[in-house]
N, C-alpha and C. Protein backbone atom coordinates (compact mmCIF):
# COMPACT_ATOMS: atom_id res chain seq x y z
N UNK A 1 -17.95 12.23 1.88
CA UNK A 1 -19.28 12.79 1.66
C UNK A 1 -19.34 13.55 0.34
N UNK A 2 -18.29 14.29 0.02
CA UNK A 2 -18.33 15.12 -1.18
C UNK A 2 -18.47 14.28 -2.44
N UNK A 3 -17.87 13.09 -2.46
CA UNK A 3 -17.94 12.26 -3.67
C UNK A 3 -19.32 11.65 -3.87
N UNK A 4 -20.18 11.72 -2.85
CA UNK A 4 -21.54 11.23 -3.05
C UNK A 4 -22.26 12.07 -4.11
N UNK A 5 -21.78 13.27 -4.35
CA UNK A 5 -22.35 14.14 -5.38
C UNK A 5 -22.26 13.46 -6.75
N UNK A 6 -21.17 12.74 -6.97
CA UNK A 6 -21.00 12.08 -8.26
C UNK A 6 -21.39 10.61 -8.21
N UNK A 7 -22.01 10.19 -7.12
CA UNK A 7 -22.56 8.85 -7.01
C UNK A 7 -21.55 7.76 -6.73
N UNK A 8 -20.48 8.08 -6.01
CA UNK A 8 -19.47 7.08 -5.68
C UNK A 8 -19.60 6.72 -4.19
N UNK A 9 -19.87 5.45 -3.89
CA UNK A 9 -19.95 5.05 -2.48
C UNK A 9 -18.59 5.19 -1.79
N UNK A 10 -18.59 5.55 -0.52
CA UNK A 10 -17.35 5.78 0.22
C UNK A 10 -16.43 4.56 0.21
N UNK A 11 -16.99 3.36 0.26
CA UNK A 11 -16.16 2.16 0.31
C UNK A 11 -15.41 1.91 -1.01
N UNK A 12 -15.77 2.63 -2.05
CA UNK A 12 -15.10 2.48 -3.34
C UNK A 12 -14.12 3.62 -3.62
N UNK A 13 -13.93 4.52 -2.66
CA UNK A 13 -13.13 5.71 -2.91
C UNK A 13 -11.67 5.41 -3.25
N UNK A 14 -11.06 4.43 -2.59
CA UNK A 14 -9.66 4.12 -2.90
C UNK A 14 -9.51 3.62 -4.35
N UNK A 15 -10.47 2.81 -4.77
CA UNK A 15 -10.43 2.33 -6.16
C UNK A 15 -10.61 3.50 -7.13
N UNK A 16 -11.52 4.39 -6.80
CA UNK A 16 -11.75 5.56 -7.66
C UNK A 16 -10.51 6.44 -7.69
N UNK A 17 -9.88 6.62 -6.52
CA UNK A 17 -8.65 7.42 -6.48
C UNK A 17 -7.60 6.83 -7.41
N UNK A 18 -7.43 5.51 -7.35
CA UNK A 18 -6.44 4.86 -8.23
C UNK A 18 -6.77 5.08 -9.70
N UNK A 19 -8.04 5.08 -10.04
CA UNK A 19 -8.46 5.32 -11.42
C UNK A 19 -8.15 6.76 -11.83
N UNK A 20 -8.44 7.70 -10.94
CA UNK A 20 -8.24 9.12 -11.24
C UNK A 20 -6.76 9.48 -11.29
N UNK A 21 -5.94 8.84 -10.43
CA UNK A 21 -4.50 9.12 -10.36
C UNK A 21 -3.80 8.45 -11.53
N UNK A 22 -3.92 9.04 -12.71
CA UNK A 22 -3.43 8.44 -13.95
C UNK A 22 -1.93 8.17 -13.94
N UNK A 23 -1.15 9.06 -13.34
CA UNK A 23 0.30 8.89 -13.36
C UNK A 23 0.83 8.12 -12.14
N UNK A 24 -0.07 7.61 -11.30
CA UNK A 24 0.28 6.82 -10.12
C UNK A 24 1.25 7.56 -9.18
N UNK A 25 1.06 8.87 -9.08
CA UNK A 25 1.94 9.68 -8.24
C UNK A 25 1.55 9.67 -6.78
N UNK A 26 0.35 9.18 -6.48
CA UNK A 26 -0.14 9.20 -5.10
C UNK A 26 -0.92 10.46 -4.78
N UNK A 27 -0.99 11.35 -5.75
CA UNK A 27 -1.80 12.56 -5.59
C UNK A 27 -2.47 12.83 -6.95
N UNK A 28 -3.49 13.67 -6.90
CA UNK A 28 -4.18 13.97 -8.16
C UNK A 28 -4.17 15.47 -8.41
N UNK A 29 -4.01 15.81 -9.67
CA UNK A 29 -4.05 17.20 -10.08
C UNK A 29 -5.51 17.58 -10.35
N UNK A 30 -5.74 18.86 -10.50
CA UNK A 30 -7.10 19.32 -10.82
C UNK A 30 -7.57 18.72 -12.14
N UNK A 31 -6.66 18.63 -13.10
CA UNK A 31 -7.01 18.05 -14.41
C UNK A 31 -7.37 16.58 -14.26
N UNK A 32 -6.56 15.84 -13.49
CA UNK A 32 -6.87 14.42 -13.26
C UNK A 32 -8.22 14.27 -12.56
N UNK A 33 -8.51 15.17 -11.62
CA UNK A 33 -9.77 15.12 -10.89
C UNK A 33 -10.95 15.32 -11.83
N UNK A 34 -10.88 16.35 -12.65
CA UNK A 34 -11.98 16.64 -13.58
C UNK A 34 -12.13 15.49 -14.58
N UNK A 35 -11.01 15.03 -15.14
CA UNK A 35 -11.09 13.91 -16.09
C UNK A 35 -11.61 12.65 -15.41
N UNK A 36 -11.19 12.43 -14.17
CA UNK A 36 -11.64 11.26 -13.42
C UNK A 36 -13.12 11.30 -13.12
N UNK A 37 -13.62 12.47 -12.78
CA UNK A 37 -15.06 12.60 -12.51
C UNK A 37 -15.85 12.29 -13.78
N UNK A 38 -15.32 12.73 -14.92
CA UNK A 38 -15.98 12.42 -16.19
C UNK A 38 -16.00 10.92 -16.45
N UNK A 39 -14.89 10.23 -16.10
CA UNK A 39 -14.83 8.78 -16.28
C UNK A 39 -15.85 8.08 -15.39
N UNK A 40 -15.96 8.56 -14.15
CA UNK A 40 -16.82 7.91 -13.17
C UNK A 40 -18.29 8.18 -13.46
N UNK A 41 -18.59 9.43 -13.82
CA UNK A 41 -20.00 9.82 -13.93
C UNK A 41 -20.43 10.21 -15.33
N UNK A 42 -19.50 10.47 -16.18
CA UNK A 42 -19.85 11.07 -17.47
C UNK A 42 -19.57 12.56 -17.35
N UNK A 43 -20.15 13.35 -18.20
CA UNK A 43 -19.90 14.79 -18.12
C UNK A 43 -20.48 15.35 -16.83
N UNK A 44 -19.58 15.81 -15.98
CA UNK A 44 -20.00 16.39 -14.71
C UNK A 44 -20.37 17.85 -14.92
N UNK A 45 -21.32 18.29 -14.15
CA UNK A 45 -21.70 19.71 -14.20
C UNK A 45 -20.65 20.52 -13.45
N UNK A 46 -20.55 21.77 -13.83
CA UNK A 46 -19.57 22.66 -13.20
C UNK A 46 -19.74 22.73 -11.69
N UNK A 47 -20.99 22.77 -11.23
CA UNK A 47 -21.25 22.86 -9.80
C UNK A 47 -20.74 21.63 -9.07
N UNK A 48 -20.86 20.45 -9.71
CA UNK A 48 -20.37 19.22 -9.09
C UNK A 48 -18.86 19.24 -8.98
N UNK A 49 -18.21 19.68 -10.04
CA UNK A 49 -16.74 19.75 -10.03
C UNK A 49 -16.27 20.74 -8.98
N UNK A 50 -16.92 21.89 -8.92
CA UNK A 50 -16.55 22.90 -7.92
C UNK A 50 -16.73 22.35 -6.51
N UNK A 51 -17.81 21.61 -6.28
CA UNK A 51 -18.06 21.04 -4.95
C UNK A 51 -16.97 20.04 -4.59
N UNK A 52 -16.59 19.20 -5.54
CA UNK A 52 -15.55 18.21 -5.26
C UNK A 52 -14.20 18.88 -5.05
N UNK A 53 -13.85 19.82 -5.91
CA UNK A 53 -12.58 20.55 -5.75
C UNK A 53 -12.56 21.29 -4.42
N UNK A 54 -13.68 21.90 -4.06
CA UNK A 54 -13.77 22.59 -2.78
C UNK A 54 -13.54 21.62 -1.61
N UNK A 55 -14.15 20.44 -1.71
CA UNK A 55 -13.95 19.42 -0.68
C UNK A 55 -12.51 18.98 -0.59
N UNK A 56 -11.88 18.79 -1.73
CA UNK A 56 -10.47 18.39 -1.75
C UNK A 56 -9.60 19.49 -1.13
N UNK A 57 -9.85 20.73 -1.50
CA UNK A 57 -9.09 21.85 -0.93
C UNK A 57 -9.28 21.93 0.58
N UNK A 58 -10.49 21.71 1.03
CA UNK A 58 -10.77 21.72 2.48
C UNK A 58 -9.97 20.63 3.18
N UNK A 59 -9.94 19.43 2.60
CA UNK A 59 -9.20 18.33 3.21
C UNK A 59 -7.69 18.60 3.18
N UNK A 60 -7.20 19.21 2.11
CA UNK A 60 -5.78 19.56 2.03
C UNK A 60 -5.42 20.58 3.11
N UNK A 61 -6.31 21.54 3.33
CA UNK A 61 -6.10 22.54 4.36
C UNK A 61 -6.03 21.87 5.74
N UNK A 62 -6.96 20.96 5.99
CA UNK A 62 -6.96 20.23 7.27
C UNK A 62 -5.68 19.41 7.43
N UNK A 63 -5.27 18.74 6.37
CA UNK A 63 -4.05 17.93 6.42
C UNK A 63 -2.84 18.82 6.71
N UNK A 64 -2.79 19.99 6.09
CA UNK A 64 -1.70 20.93 6.35
C UNK A 64 -1.65 21.36 7.80
N UNK A 65 -2.81 21.62 8.37
CA UNK A 65 -2.87 22.01 9.78
C UNK A 65 -2.40 20.86 10.68
N UNK A 66 -2.78 19.64 10.33
CA UNK A 66 -2.34 18.48 11.11
C UNK A 66 -0.82 18.31 11.04
N UNK A 67 -0.25 18.53 9.86
CA UNK A 67 1.20 18.45 9.71
C UNK A 67 1.88 19.51 10.57
N UNK A 68 1.34 20.73 10.55
CA UNK A 68 1.90 21.81 11.37
C UNK A 68 1.86 21.44 12.85
N UNK A 69 0.73 20.90 13.31
CA UNK A 69 0.61 20.51 14.71
C UNK A 69 1.58 19.39 15.06
N UNK A 70 1.74 18.44 14.15
CA UNK A 70 2.68 17.34 14.39
C UNK A 70 4.11 17.87 14.51
N UNK A 71 4.46 18.83 13.67
CA UNK A 71 5.79 19.42 13.74
C UNK A 71 5.99 20.18 15.06
N UNK A 72 4.96 20.89 15.52
CA UNK A 72 5.04 21.60 16.79
C UNK A 72 5.22 20.61 17.94
N UNK A 73 4.47 19.52 17.90
CA UNK A 73 4.60 18.51 18.95
C UNK A 73 5.98 17.86 18.92
N UNK A 74 6.52 17.67 17.74
CA UNK A 74 7.85 17.09 17.62
C UNK A 74 8.89 18.00 18.27
N UNK A 75 8.77 19.30 18.05
CA UNK A 75 9.70 20.25 18.66
C UNK A 75 9.55 20.23 20.18
N UNK A 76 8.31 20.20 20.65
CA UNK A 76 8.09 20.16 22.11
C UNK A 76 8.66 18.88 22.71
N UNK A 77 8.49 17.76 22.02
CA UNK A 77 9.03 16.49 22.51
C UNK A 77 10.55 16.56 22.57
N UNK A 78 11.16 17.16 21.57
CA UNK A 78 12.62 17.33 21.58
C UNK A 78 13.09 18.16 22.76
N UNK A 79 12.35 19.22 23.06
CA UNK A 79 12.69 20.07 24.21
C UNK A 79 12.58 19.28 25.51
N UNK A 80 11.51 18.53 25.65
CA UNK A 80 11.30 17.73 26.86
C UNK A 80 12.39 16.68 27.00
N UNK A 81 12.74 16.00 25.90
CA UNK A 81 13.80 15.00 25.96
C UNK A 81 15.13 15.63 26.34
N UNK A 82 15.40 16.81 25.82
CA UNK A 82 16.63 17.52 26.18
C UNK A 82 16.68 17.83 27.66
N UNK A 83 15.56 18.28 28.20
CA UNK A 83 15.51 18.58 29.64
C UNK A 83 15.67 17.32 30.48
N UNK A 84 15.04 16.24 30.05
CA UNK A 84 15.18 14.97 30.78
C UNK A 84 16.62 14.47 30.73
N UNK A 85 17.25 14.58 29.58
CA UNK A 85 18.65 14.18 29.46
C UNK A 85 19.52 15.00 30.41
N UNK A 86 19.25 16.29 30.50
CA UNK A 86 20.01 17.16 31.41
C UNK A 86 19.79 16.74 32.86
N UNK A 87 18.54 16.41 33.19
CA UNK A 87 18.24 15.98 34.56
C UNK A 87 18.94 14.67 34.89
N UNK A 88 18.97 13.75 33.97
CA UNK A 88 19.64 12.47 34.19
C UNK A 88 21.13 12.70 34.37
N UNK A 89 21.69 13.59 33.56
CA UNK A 89 23.11 13.91 33.68
C UNK A 89 23.44 14.45 35.06
N UNK A 90 22.62 15.33 35.58
CA UNK A 90 22.83 15.89 36.92
C UNK A 90 22.71 14.80 37.96
N UNK A 91 21.75 13.92 37.80
CA UNK A 91 21.54 12.84 38.76
C UNK A 91 22.74 11.89 38.76
N UNK A 92 23.27 11.57 37.60
CA UNK A 92 24.44 10.69 37.51
C UNK A 92 25.63 11.35 38.18
N UNK A 93 25.82 12.63 37.91
CA UNK A 93 26.93 13.36 38.55
C UNK A 93 26.76 13.36 40.06
N UNK A 94 25.54 13.59 40.50
CA UNK A 94 25.25 13.62 41.93
C UNK A 94 25.53 12.26 42.57
N UNK A 95 25.12 11.20 41.94
CA UNK A 95 25.37 9.85 42.46
C UNK A 95 26.87 9.54 42.51
N UNK A 96 27.59 9.93 41.48
CA UNK A 96 29.04 9.73 41.46
C UNK A 96 29.70 10.51 42.58
N UNK A 97 29.23 11.74 42.78
CA UNK A 97 29.79 12.57 43.86
C UNK A 97 29.52 11.94 45.22
N UNK A 98 28.31 11.44 45.44
CA UNK A 98 27.97 10.78 46.70
C UNK A 98 28.84 9.54 46.93
N UNK A 99 29.07 8.78 45.87
CA UNK A 99 29.90 7.58 45.97
C UNK A 99 31.33 7.96 46.35
N UNK A 100 31.81 9.04 45.75
CA UNK A 100 33.18 9.50 46.08
C UNK A 100 33.25 9.94 47.55
N UNK A 101 32.18 10.59 48.04
CA UNK A 101 32.15 11.01 49.44
C UNK A 101 32.14 9.80 50.38
N UNK A 102 31.42 8.76 50.02
CA UNK A 102 31.38 7.54 50.84
C UNK A 102 32.77 6.91 50.91
N UNK A 103 33.43 6.85 49.74
CA UNK A 103 34.78 6.27 49.69
C UNK A 103 35.74 7.11 50.53
N UNK A 104 35.61 8.43 50.43
CA UNK A 104 36.48 9.33 51.18
C UNK A 104 36.26 9.19 52.68
N UNK A 105 35.03 8.98 53.12
CA UNK A 105 34.72 8.82 54.54
C UNK A 105 35.31 7.51 55.09
N UNK A 106 35.31 6.47 54.27
CA UNK A 106 35.83 5.18 54.70
C UNK A 106 37.33 5.25 54.88
N UNK A 107 37.98 6.11 54.12
CA UNK A 107 39.45 6.20 54.18
C UNK A 107 39.80 7.00 55.38
């Protein structure tokens, strides 16, 4: 939505990103963003640049929060897997013990 300010349709955003990402790093710096907006639209007004930068910062903040949540979920999954492994270990020991008792009773 934010790029509509500079007249770029959403379906063309990946192409525009590739144009703006001059060093092909997969990310864009503030300088690349400003220069890229100039390439796409001509001289952009300060308010337009601020709106786009603000939108980018907002998306980066959201992405950071998603990464944090993913890391928290990963830790929780590790804890759950550890508990399940412990439960399986107890169950295997229990089954082995029962088998030994059956063998002992037969003798």
